[in-house]
Amino acid sequence: MEVTSEMIDRLAVLAKLKFSEEEKKELNTDLERMIEFVEKLKEVDTTGTEPLLHITDAVNVLREDEVKQTITRQEALLNAPLTDGNFIKVPKVIKKETE
């Protein structure tokens, strides 16, 4: 697979990142090295090797839910910098860029 400048531009849009031309060159080199590594792994004979599904043999390590003391909504809102009386108000952090 060849890494192109269009591919890097598309990845930047998807990741909502902006790269300078120098950063794009470095990213191109890094992506090519990663792809070479994955291609090298294709050469390994994995016949008879079971896929690794979990790192450990632990199965369903869960705990029971426990009811603990909580604070009221009003107590939670006391330290909030901005509220509407019921909820904490925060600035909008996601914006859609048009292209």
PDB file of N, CA and C in Angstrom:
ATOM      1  N   MET A   1       0.854  -1.177   0.000  1.00  0.00           N
ATOM      2  CA  MET A   1       0.000   0.000   0.000  1.00  0.00           C
ATOM      3  C   MET A   1       0.894   1.233   0.000  1.00  0.00           C
ATOM      4  N   GLU A   2       0.578   2.141  -0.864  1.00  0.00           N
ATOM      5  CA  GLU A   2       1.369   3.372  -0.973  1.00  0.00           C
ATOM      6  C   GLU A   2       0.696   4.491  -0.183  1.00  0.00           C
ATOM      7  N   VAL A   3       1.488   5.189   0.594  1.00  0.00           N
ATOM      8  CA  VAL A   3       0.982   6.328   1.349  1.00  0.00           C
ATOM      9  C   VAL A   3       1.101   7.564   0.467  1.00  0.00           C
ATOM     10  N   THR A   4      -0.027   8.216   0.243  1.00  0.00           N
ATOM     11  CA  THR A   4      -0.034   9.406  -0.604  1.00  0.00           C
ATOM     12  C   THR A   4      -0.373  10.635   0.228  1.00  0.00           C
ATOM     13  N   SER A   5      -0.123  11.800  -0.337  1.00  0.00           N
ATOM     14  CA  SER A   5      -0.452  13.036   0.373  1.00  0.00           C
ATOM     15  C   SER A   5      -1.967  13.165   0.531  1.00  0.00           C
ATOM     16  N   GLU A   6      -2.724  12.626  -0.448  1.00  0.00           N
ATOM     17  CA  GLU A   6      -4.183  12.653  -0.334  1.00  0.00           C
ATOM     18  C   GLU A   6      -4.653  11.802   0.846  1.00  0.00           C
ATOM     19  N   MET A   7      -3.986  10.656   1.042  1.00  0.00           N
ATOM     20  CA  MET A   7      -4.336   9.785   2.165  1.00  0.00           C
ATOM     21  C   MET A   7      -4.071  10.504   3.485  1.00  0.00           C
ATOM     22  N   ILE A   8      -2.942  11.179   3.577  1.00  0.00           N
ATOM     23  CA  ILE A   8      -2.605  11.903   4.809  1.00  0.00           C
ATOM     24  C   ILE A   8      -3.587  13.047   5.033  1.00  0.00           C
ATOM     25  N   ASP A   9      -3.960  13.750   3.968  1.00  0.00           N
ATOM     26  CA  ASP A   9      -4.947  14.827   4.103  1.00  0.00           C
ATOM     27  C   ASP A   9      -6.281  14.274   4.588  1.00  0.00           C
ATOM     28  N   ARG A  10      -6.687  13.138   4.055  1.00  0.00           N
ATOM     29  CA  ARG A  10      -7.959  12.527   4.457  1.00  0.00           C
ATOM     30  C   ARG A  10      -7.903  12.080   5.925  1.00  0.00           C
ATOM     31  N   LEU A  11      -6.795  11.477   6.317  1.00  0.00           N
ATOM     32  CA  LEU A  11      -6.629  11.074   7.717  1.00  0.00           C
ATOM     33  C   LEU A  11      -6.663  12.287   8.640  1.00  0.00           C
ATOM     34  N   ALA A  12      -6.064  13.378   8.204  1.00  0.00           N
ATOM     35  CA  ALA A  12      -6.054  14.600   9.013  1.00  0.00           C
ATOM     36  C   ALA A  12      -7.470  15.123   9.202  1.00  0.00           C
ATOM     37  N   VAL A  13      -8.265  15.087   8.133  1.00  0.00           N
ATOM     38  CA  VAL A  13      -9.660  15.544   8.232  1.00  0.00           C
ATOM     39  C   VAL A  13     -10.433  14.643   9.195  1.00  0.00           C
ATOM     40  N   LEU A  14     -10.267  13.335   9.040  1.00  0.00           N
ATOM     41  CA  LEU A  14     -10.988  12.397   9.908  1.00  0.00           C
ATOM     42  C   LEU A  14     -10.592  12.554  11.375  1.00  0.00           C
ATOM     43  N   ALA A  15      -9.311  12.830  11.608  1.00  0.00           N
ATOM     44  CA  ALA A  15      -8.817  12.986  12.977  1.00  0.00           C
ATOM     45  C   ALA A  15      -8.942  14.418  13.484  1.00  0.00           C
ATOM     46  N   LYS A  16      -9.440  15.316  12.616  1.00  0.00           N
ATOM     47  CA  LYS A  16      -9.585  16.729  12.953  1.00  0.00           C
ATOM     48  C   LYS A  16      -8.248  17.330  13.394  1.00  0.00           C
ATOM     49  N   LEU A  17      -7.220  17.035  12.588  1.00  0.00           N
ATOM     50  CA  LEU A  17      -5.879  17.548  12.848  1.00  0.00           C
ATOM     51  C   LEU A  17      -5.402  18.359  11.645  1.00  0.00           C
ATOM     52  N   LYS A  18      -4.445  19.229  11.892  1.00  0.00           N
ATOM     53  CA  LYS A  18      -3.837  19.999  10.805  1.00  0.00           C
ATOM     54  C   LYS A  18      -2.334  19.780  10.890  1.00  0.00           C
ATOM     55  N   PHE A  19      -1.740  19.522   9.728  1.00  0.00           N
ATOM     56  CA  PHE A  19      -0.309  19.260   9.661  1.00  0.00           C
ATOM     57  C   PHE A  19       0.364  20.249   8.721  1.00  0.00           C
ATOM     58  N   SER A  20       1.561  20.658   9.099  1.00  0.00           N
ATOM     59  CA  SER A  20       2.375  21.461   8.186  1.00  0.00           C
ATOM     60  C   SER A  20       2.957  20.515   7.147  1.00  0.00           C
ATOM     61  N   GLU A  21       3.556  21.082   6.099  1.00  0.00           N
ATOM     62  CA  GLU A  21       4.146  20.234   5.052  1.00  0.00           C
ATOM     63  C   GLU A  21       5.263  19.360   5.612  1.00  0.00           C
ATOM     64  N   GLU A  22       6.040  19.911   6.537  1.00  0.00           N
ATOM     65  CA  GLU A  22       7.121  19.131   7.152  1.00  0.00           C
ATOM     66  C   GLU A  22       6.545  17.974   7.973  1.00  0.00           C
ATOM     67  N   GLU A  23       5.489  18.246   8.722  1.00  0.00           N
ATOM     68  CA  GLU A  23       4.847  17.196   9.516  1.00  0.00           C
ATOM     69  C   GLU A  23       4.249  16.119   8.618  1.00  0.00           C
ATOM     70  N   LYS A  24       3.704  16.529   7.483  1.00  0.00           N
ATOM     71  CA  LYS A  24       3.149  15.554   6.530  1.00  0.00           C
ATOM     72  C   LYS A  24       4.238  14.625   6.012  1.00  0.00           C
ATOM     73  N   LYS A  25       5.427  15.179   5.739  1.00  0.00           N
ATOM     74  CA  LYS A  25       6.535  14.345   5.262  1.00  0.00           C
ATOM     75  C   LYS A  25       6.942  13.334   6.332  1.00  0.00           C
ATOM     76  N   GLU A  26       7.031  13.791   7.583  1.00  0.00           N
ATOM     77  CA  GLU A  26       7.378  12.888   8.678  1.00  0.00           C
ATOM     78  C   GLU A  26       6.302  11.818   8.858  1.00  0.00           C
ATOM     79  N   LEU A  27       5.050  12.234   8.785  1.00  0.00           N
ATOM     80  CA  LEU A  27       3.938  11.302   8.932  1.00  0.00           C
ATOM     81  C   LEU A  27       3.946  10.281   7.799  1.00  0.00           C
ATOM     82  N   ASN A  28       4.253  10.737   6.601  1.00  0.00           N
ATOM     83  CA  ASN A  28       4.336   9.834   5.458  1.00  0.00           C
ATOM     84  C   ASN A  28       5.387   8.759   5.715  1.00  0.00           C
ATOM     85  N   THR A  29       6.557   9.173   6.183  1.00  0.00           N
ATOM     86  CA  THR A  29       7.638   8.230   6.484  1.00  0.00           C
ATOM     87  C   THR A  29       7.204   7.243   7.566  1.00  0.00           C
ATOM     88  N   ASP A  30       6.594   7.754   8.626  1.00  0.00           N
ATOM     89  CA  ASP A  30       6.153   6.888   9.728  1.00  0.00           C
ATOM     90  C   ASP A  30       5.107   5.886   9.262  1.00  0.00           C
ATOM     91  N   LEU A  31       4.137   6.338   8.484  1.00  0.00           N
ATOM     92  CA  LEU A  31       3.088   5.439   8.003  1.00  0.00           C
ATOM     93  C   LEU A  31       3.662   4.367   7.086  1.00  0.00           C
ATOM     94  N   GLU A  32       4.601   4.744   6.227  1.00  0.00           N
ATOM     95  CA  GLU A  32       5.233   3.762   5.346  1.00  0.00           C
ATOM     96  C   GLU A  32       5.978   2.709   6.151  1.00  0.00           C
ATOM     97  N   ARG A  33       6.668   3.121   7.214  1.00  0.00           N
ATOM     98  CA  ARG A  33       7.391   2.161   8.065  1.00  0.00           C
ATOM     99  C   ARG A  33       6.412   1.220   8.770  1.00  0.00           C
ATOM    100  N   MET A  34       5.273   1.744   9.223  1.00  0.00           N
ATOM    101  CA  MET A  34       4.267   0.901   9.875  1.00  0.00           C
ATOM    102  C   MET A  34       3.698  -0.125   8.895  1.00  0.00           C
ATOM    103  N   ILE A  35       3.410   0.333   7.692  1.00  0.00           N
ATOM    104  CA  ILE A  35       2.852  -0.575   6.685  1.00  0.00           C
ATOM    105  C   ILE A  35       3.872  -1.641   6.307  1.00  0.00           C
ATOM    106  N   GLU A  36       5.144  -1.269   6.182  1.00  0.00           N
ATOM    107  CA  GLU A  36       6.200  -2.251   5.905  1.00  0.00           C
ATOM    108  C   GLU A  36       6.261  -3.303   6.997  1.00  0.00           C
ATOM    109  N   PHE A  37       6.106  -2.878   8.254  1.00  0.00           N
ATOM    110  CA  PHE A  37       6.148  -3.809   9.380  1.00  0.00           C
ATOM    111  C   PHE A  37       4.993  -4.805   9.284  1.00  0.00           C
ATOM    112  N   VAL A  38       3.796  -4.312   8.993  1.00  0.00           N
ATOM    113  CA  VAL A  38       2.630  -5.193   8.881  1.00  0.00           C
ATOM    114  C   VAL A  38       2.810  -6.135   7.702  1.00  0.00           C
ATOM    115  N   GLU A  39       3.341  -5.637   6.589  1.00  0.00           N
ATOM    116  CA  GLU A  39       3.591  -6.496   5.430  1.00  0.00           C
ATOM    117  C   GLU A  39       4.593  -7.590   5.786  1.00  0.00           C
ATOM    118  N   LYS A  40       5.595  -7.259   6.587  1.00  0.00           N
ATOM    119  CA  LYS A  40       6.597  -8.242   7.014  1.00  0.00           C
ATOM    120  C   LYS A  40       5.934  -9.337   7.849  1.00  0.00           C
ATOM    121  N   LEU A  41       4.941  -8.967   8.668  1.00  0.00           N
ATOM    122  CA  LEU A  41       4.247  -9.951   9.491  1.00  0.00           C
ATOM    123  C   LEU A  41       3.474 -10.961   8.647  1.00  0.00           C
ATOM    124  N   LYS A  42       3.060 -10.561   7.454  1.00  0.00           N
ATOM    125  CA  LYS A  42       2.336 -11.478   6.561  1.00  0.00           C
ATOM    126  C   LYS A  42       3.215 -12.649   6.129  1.00  0.00           C
ATOM    127  N   GLU A  43       4.540 -12.480   6.198  1.00  0.00           N
ATOM    128  CA  GLU A  43       5.462 -13.532   5.790  1.00  0.00           C
ATOM    129  C   GLU A  43       5.591 -14.633   6.836  1.00  0.00           C
ATOM    130  N   VAL A  44       5.151 -14.377   8.052  1.00  0.00           N
ATOM    131  CA  VAL A  44       5.297 -15.352   9.137  1.00  0.00           C
ATOM    132  C   VAL A  44       4.286 -16.477   8.951  1.00  0.00           C
ATOM    133  N   ASP A  45       4.758 -17.718   9.060  1.00  0.00           N
ATOM    134  CA  ASP A  45       3.879 -18.873   8.940  1.00  0.00           C
ATOM    135  C   ASP A  45       3.134 -19.070  10.262  1.00  0.00           C
ATOM    136  N   THR A  46       1.831 -18.865  10.220  1.00  0.00           N
ATOM    137  CA  THR A  46       1.012 -19.007  11.435  1.00  0.00           C
ATOM    138  C   THR A  46       0.112 -20.239  11.366  1.00  0.00           C
ATOM    139  N   THR A  47       0.454 -21.180  10.500  1.00  0.00           N
ATOM    140  CA  THR A  47      -0.336 -22.401  10.376  1.00  0.00           C
ATOM    141  C   THR A  47      -0.391 -23.126  11.716  1.00  0.00           C
ATOM    142  N   GLY A  48      -1.583 -23.455  12.159  1.00  0.00           N
ATOM    143  CA  GLY A  48      -1.757 -24.182  13.415  1.00  0.00           C
ATOM    144  C   GLY A  48      -1.719 -23.305  14.651  1.00  0.00           C
ATOM    145  N   THR A  49      -1.560 -22.026  14.487  1.00  0.00           N
ATOM    146  CA  THR A  49      -1.525 -21.110  15.629  1.00  0.00           C
ATOM    147  C   THR A  49      -2.929 -20.581  15.884  1.00  0.00           C
ATOM    148  N   GLU A  50      -3.390 -20.754  17.116  1.00  0.00           N
ATOM    149  CA  GLU A  50      -4.713 -20.259  17.487  1.00  0.00           C
ATOM    150  C   GLU A  50      -4.662 -18.745  17.686  1.00  0.00           C
ATOM    151  N   PRO A  51      -5.694 -18.046  17.253  1.00  0.00           N
ATOM    152  CA  PRO A  51      -5.715 -16.595  17.488  1.00  0.00           C
ATOM    153  C   PRO A  51      -5.764 -16.279  18.984  1.00  0.00           C
ATOM    154  N   LEU A  52      -5.119 -15.206  19.374  1.00  0.00           N
ATOM    155  CA  LEU A  52      -5.135 -14.768  20.763  1.00  0.00           C
ATOM    156  C   LEU A  52      -6.354 -13.880  20.967  1.00  0.00           C
ATOM    157  N   LEU A  53      -7.284 -14.362  21.774  1.00  0.00           N
ATOM    158  CA  LEU A  53      -8.496 -13.595  22.020  1.00  0.00           C
ATOM    159  C   LEU A  53      -8.397 -12.769  23.288  1.00  0.00           C
ATOM    160  N   HIS A  54      -7.691 -13.292  24.286  1.00  0.00           N
ATOM    161  CA  HIS A  54      -7.552 -12.593  25.561  1.00  0.00           C
ATOM    162  C   HIS A  54      -6.119 -12.756  26.062  1.00  0.00           C
ATOM    163  N   ILE A  55      -5.635 -11.741  26.715  1.00  0.00           N
ATOM    164  CA  ILE A  55      -4.270 -11.780  27.233  1.00  0.00           C
ATOM    165  C   ILE A  55      -4.146 -12.748  28.411  1.00  0.00           C
ATOM    166  N   THR A  56      -5.179 -12.836  29.243  1.00  0.00           N
ATOM    167  CA  THR A  56      -5.132 -13.713  30.415  1.00  0.00           C
ATOM    168  C   THR A  56      -6.235 -14.758  30.329  1.00  0.00           C
ATOM    169  N   ASP A  57      -6.187 -15.709  31.249  1.00  0.00           N
ATOM    170  CA  ASP A  57      -7.229 -16.736  31.315  1.00  0.00           C
ATOM    171  C   ASP A  57      -8.397 -16.309  32.187  1.00  0.00           C
ATOM    172  N   ALA A  58      -8.354 -15.105  32.726  1.00  0.00           N
ATOM    173  CA  ALA A  58      -9.425 -14.624  33.602  1.00  0.00           C
ATOM    174  C   ALA A  58     -10.732 -14.529  32.806  1.00  0.00           C
ATOM    175  N   VAL A  59     -11.804 -15.016  33.409  1.00  0.00           N
ATOM    176  CA  VAL A  59     -13.105 -15.015  32.752  1.00  0.00           C
ATOM    177  C   VAL A  59     -14.105 -14.301  33.652  1.00  0.00           C
ATOM    178  N   ASN A  60     -14.826 -13.336  33.089  1.00  0.00           N
ATOM    179  CA  ASN A  60     -15.885 -12.631  33.803  1.00  0.00           C
ATOM    180  C   ASN A  60     -15.466 -12.166  35.199  1.00  0.00           C
ATOM    181  N   VAL A  61     -14.401 -11.405  35.243  1.00  0.00           N
ATOM    182  CA  VAL A  61     -13.945 -10.858  36.518  1.00  0.00           C
ATOM    183  C   VAL A  61     -14.764  -9.602  36.777  1.00  0.00           C
ATOM    184  N   LEU A  62     -15.886  -9.798  37.425  1.00  0.00           N
ATOM    185  CA  LEU A  62     -16.804  -8.703  37.696  1.00  0.00           C
ATOM    186  C   LEU A  62     -17.023  -8.584  39.193  1.00  0.00           C
ATOM    187  N   ARG A  63     -17.524  -7.477  39.603  1.00  0.00           N
ATOM    188  CA  ARG A  63     -17.863  -7.291  41.012  1.00  0.00           C
ATOM    189  C   ARG A  63     -19.346  -6.998  41.110  1.00  0.00           C
ATOM    190  N   GLU A  64     -19.893  -7.250  42.246  1.00  0.00           N
ATOM    191  CA  GLU A  64     -21.295  -6.935  42.493  1.00  0.00           C
ATOM    192  C   GLU A  64     -21.435  -5.423  42.667  1.00  0.00           C
ATOM    193  N   ASP A  65     -22.527  -4.874  42.211  1.00  0.00           N
ATOM    194  CA  ASP A  65     -22.801  -3.466  42.436  1.00  0.00           C
ATOM    195  C   ASP A  65     -23.049  -3.239  43.913  1.00  0.00           C
ATOM    196  N   GLU A  66     -22.480  -2.169  44.418  1.00  0.00           N
ATOM    197  CA  GLU A  66     -22.682  -1.830  45.827  1.00  0.00           C
ATOM    198  C   GLU A  66     -23.256  -0.423  45.918  1.00  0.00           C
ATOM    199  N   VAL A  67     -24.280  -0.263  46.739  1.00  0.00           N
ATOM    200  CA  VAL A  67     -24.854   1.056  46.955  1.00  0.00           C
ATOM    201  C   VAL A  67     -23.971   1.764  47.975  1.00  0.00           C
ATOM    202  N   LYS A  68     -23.499   2.939  47.598  1.00  0.00           N
ATOM    203  CA  LYS A  68     -22.657   3.721  48.489  1.00  0.00           C
ATOM    204  C   LYS A  68     -23.271   5.098  48.652  1.00  0.00           C
ATOM    205  N   GLN A  69     -22.777   5.811  49.648  1.00  0.00           N
ATOM    206  CA  GLN A  69     -23.296   7.144  49.890  1.00  0.00           C
ATOM    207  C   GLN A  69     -22.957   8.049  48.712  1.00  0.00           C
ATOM    208  N   THR A  70     -23.934   8.795  48.246  1.00  0.00           N
ATOM    209  CA  THR A  70     -23.719   9.715  47.139  1.00  0.00           C
ATOM    210  C   THR A  70     -24.092  11.121  47.589  1.00  0.00           C
ATOM    211  N   ILE A  71     -23.815  12.076  46.728  1.00  0.00           N
ATOM    212  CA  ILE A  71     -24.203  13.445  47.041  1.00  0.00           C
ATOM    213  C   ILE A  71     -25.452  13.796  46.239  1.00  0.00           C
ATOM    214  N   THR A  72     -26.150  14.794  46.674  1.00  0.00           N
ATOM    215  CA  THR A  72     -27.358  15.211  45.966  1.00  0.00           C
ATOM    216  C   THR A  72     -26.961  16.018  44.738  1.00  0.00           C
ATOM    217  N   ARG A  73     -27.924  16.225  43.867  1.00  0.00           N
ATOM    218  CA  ARG A  73     -27.679  17.029  42.669  1.00  0.00           C
ATOM    219  C   ARG A  73     -27.253  18.439  43.050  1.00  0.00           C
ATOM    220  N   GLN A  74     -27.922  19.016  44.013  1.00  0.00           N
ATOM    221  CA  GLN A  74     -27.589  20.381  44.437  1.00  0.00           C
ATOM    222  C   GLN A  74     -26.166  20.453  44.985  1.00  0.00           C
ATOM    223  N   GLU A  75     -25.749  19.439  45.744  1.00  0.00           N
ATOM    224  CA  GLU A  75     -24.378  19.418  46.259  1.00  0.00           C
ATOM    225  C   GLU A  75     -23.374  19.305  45.114  1.00  0.00           C
ATOM    226  N   ALA A  76     -23.704  18.525  44.091  1.00  0.00           N
ATOM    227  CA  ALA A  76     -22.809  18.360  42.948  1.00  0.00           C
ATOM    228  C   ALA A  76     -22.676  19.658  42.169  1.00  0.00           C
ATOM    229  N   LEU A  77     -23.745  20.441  42.110  1.00  0.00           N
ATOM    230  CA  LEU A  77     -23.724  21.684  41.343  1.00  0.00           C
ATOM    231  C   LEU A  77     -23.041  22.832  42.081  1.00  0.00           C
ATOM    232  N   LEU A  78     -22.787  22.670  43.366  1.00  0.00           N
ATOM    233  CA  LEU A  78     -22.190  23.759  44.147  1.00  0.00           C
ATOM    234  C   LEU A  78     -20.830  24.203  43.602  1.00  0.00           C
ATOM    235  N   ASN A  79     -20.008  23.276  43.134  1.00  0.00           N
ATOM    236  CA  ASN A  79     -18.672  23.619  42.648  1.00  0.00           C
ATOM    237  C   ASN A  79     -18.619  23.867  41.148  1.00  0.00           C
ATOM    238  N   ALA A  80     -19.732  23.743  40.468  1.00  0.00           N
ATOM    239  CA  ALA A  80     -19.745  23.949  39.020  1.00  0.00           C
ATOM    240  C   ALA A  80     -19.654  25.441  38.717  1.00  0.00           C
ATOM    241  N   PRO A  81     -18.822  25.823  37.764  1.00  0.00           N
ATOM    242  CA  PRO A  81     -18.687  27.239  37.444  1.00  0.00           C
ATOM    243  C   PRO A  81     -19.943  27.828  36.807  1.00  0.00           C
ATOM    244  N   LEU A  82     -20.708  27.006  36.078  1.00  0.00           N
ATOM    245  CA  LEU A  82     -21.897  27.504  35.403  1.00  0.00           C
ATOM    246  C   LEU A  82     -22.946  26.399  35.361  1.00  0.00           C
ATOM    247  N   THR A  83     -24.156  26.716  35.809  1.00  0.00           N
ATOM    248  CA  THR A  83     -25.241  25.731  35.780  1.00  0.00           C
ATOM    249  C   THR A  83     -26.503  26.405  35.269  1.00  0.00           C
ATOM    250  N   ASP A  84     -27.498  25.572  34.962  1.00  0.00           N
ATOM    251  CA  ASP A  84     -28.812  26.120  34.635  1.00  0.00           C
ATOM    252  C   ASP A  84     -29.807  25.765  35.738  1.00  0.00           C
ATOM    253  N   GLY A  85     -29.289  25.369  36.881  1.00  0.00           N
ATOM    254  CA  GLY A  85     -30.126  24.988  38.014  1.00  0.00           C
ATOM    255  C   GLY A  85     -30.240  23.486  38.173  1.00  0.00           C
ATOM    256  N   ASN A  86     -30.178  22.762  37.059  1.00  0.00           N
ATOM    257  CA  ASN A  86     -30.269  21.302  37.105  1.00  0.00           C
ATOM    258  C   ASN A  86     -29.047  20.604  36.543  1.00  0.00           C
ATOM    259  N   PHE A  87     -28.351  21.262  35.628  1.00  0.00           N
ATOM    260  CA  PHE A  87     -27.231  20.634  34.946  1.00  0.00           C
ATOM    261  C   PHE A  87     -26.035  21.576  34.913  1.00  0.00           C
ATOM    262  N   ILE A  88     -24.845  20.984  34.771  1.00  0.00           N
ATOM    263  CA  ILE A  88     -23.624  21.762  34.607  1.00  0.00           C
ATOM    264  C   ILE A  88     -23.547  22.182  33.144  1.00  0.00           C
ATOM    265  N   LYS A  89     -23.319  23.457  32.907  1.00  0.00           N
ATOM    266  CA  LYS A  89     -23.189  23.955  31.541  1.00  0.00           C
ATOM    267  C   LYS A  89     -21.704  24.039  31.201  1.00  0.00           C
ATOM    268  N   VAL A  90     -21.375  23.545  30.025  1.00  0.00           N
ATOM    269  CA  VAL A  90     -19.985  23.567  29.562  1.00  0.00           C
ATOM    270  C   VAL A  90     -19.937  24.190  28.180  1.00  0.00           C
ATOM    271  N   PRO A  91     -18.793  24.743  27.793  1.00  0.00           N
ATOM    272  CA  PRO A  91     -18.696  25.315  26.453  1.00  0.00           C
ATOM    273  C   PRO A  91     -18.719  24.214  25.389  1.00  0.00           C
ATOM    274  N   LYS A  92     -19.219  24.562  24.231  1.00  0.00           N
ATOM    275  CA  LYS A  92     -19.269  23.622  23.121  1.00  0.00           C
ATOM    276  C   LYS A  92     -17.843  23.318  22.697  1.00  0.00           C
ATOM    277  N   VAL A  93     -17.490  22.029  22.586  1.00  0.00           N
ATOM    278  CA  VAL A  93     -16.130  21.659  22.224  1.00  0.00           C
ATOM    279  C   VAL A  93     -16.057  20.954  20.877  1.00  0.00           C
ATOM    280  N   ILE A  94     -17.174  20.585  20.300  1.00  0.00           N
ATOM    281  CA  ILE A  94     -17.172  19.918  19.006  1.00  0.00           C
ATOM    282  C   ILE A  94     -17.815  20.849  17.990  1.00  0.00           C
ATOM    283  N   LYS A  95     -17.072  21.114  16.948  1.00  0.00           N
ATOM    284  CA  LYS A  95     -17.640  21.917  15.879  1.00  0.00           C
ATOM    285  C   LYS A  95     -17.352  21.230  14.572  1.00  0.00           C
ATOM    286  N   LYS A  96     -18.258  21.332  13.653  1.00  0.00           N
ATOM    287  CA  LYS A  96     -18.103  20.677  12.369  1.00  0.00           C
ATOM    288  C   LYS A  96     -17.499  21.664  11.384  1.00  0.00           C
ATOM    289  N   GLU A  97     -16.371  21.269  10.809  1.00  0.00           N
ATOM    290  CA  GLU A  97     -15.718  22.109   9.813  1.00  0.00           C
ATOM    291  C   GLU A  97     -16.267  21.761   8.446  1.00  0.00           C
ATOM    292  N   THR A  98     -16.514  22.754   7.653  1.00  0.00           N
ATOM    293  CA  THR A  98     -16.976  22.516   6.297  1.00  0.00           C
ATOM    294  C   THR A  98     -15.800  22.593   5.356  1.00  0.00           C
ATOM    295  N   GLU A  99     -15.872  21.807   4.323  1.00  0.00           N
ATOM    296  CA  GLU A  99     -14.771  21.806   3.349  1.00  0.00           C
ATOM    297  C   GLU A  99     -15.318  22.088   1.983  1.00  0.00           C
TER     298      GLU A  99
END
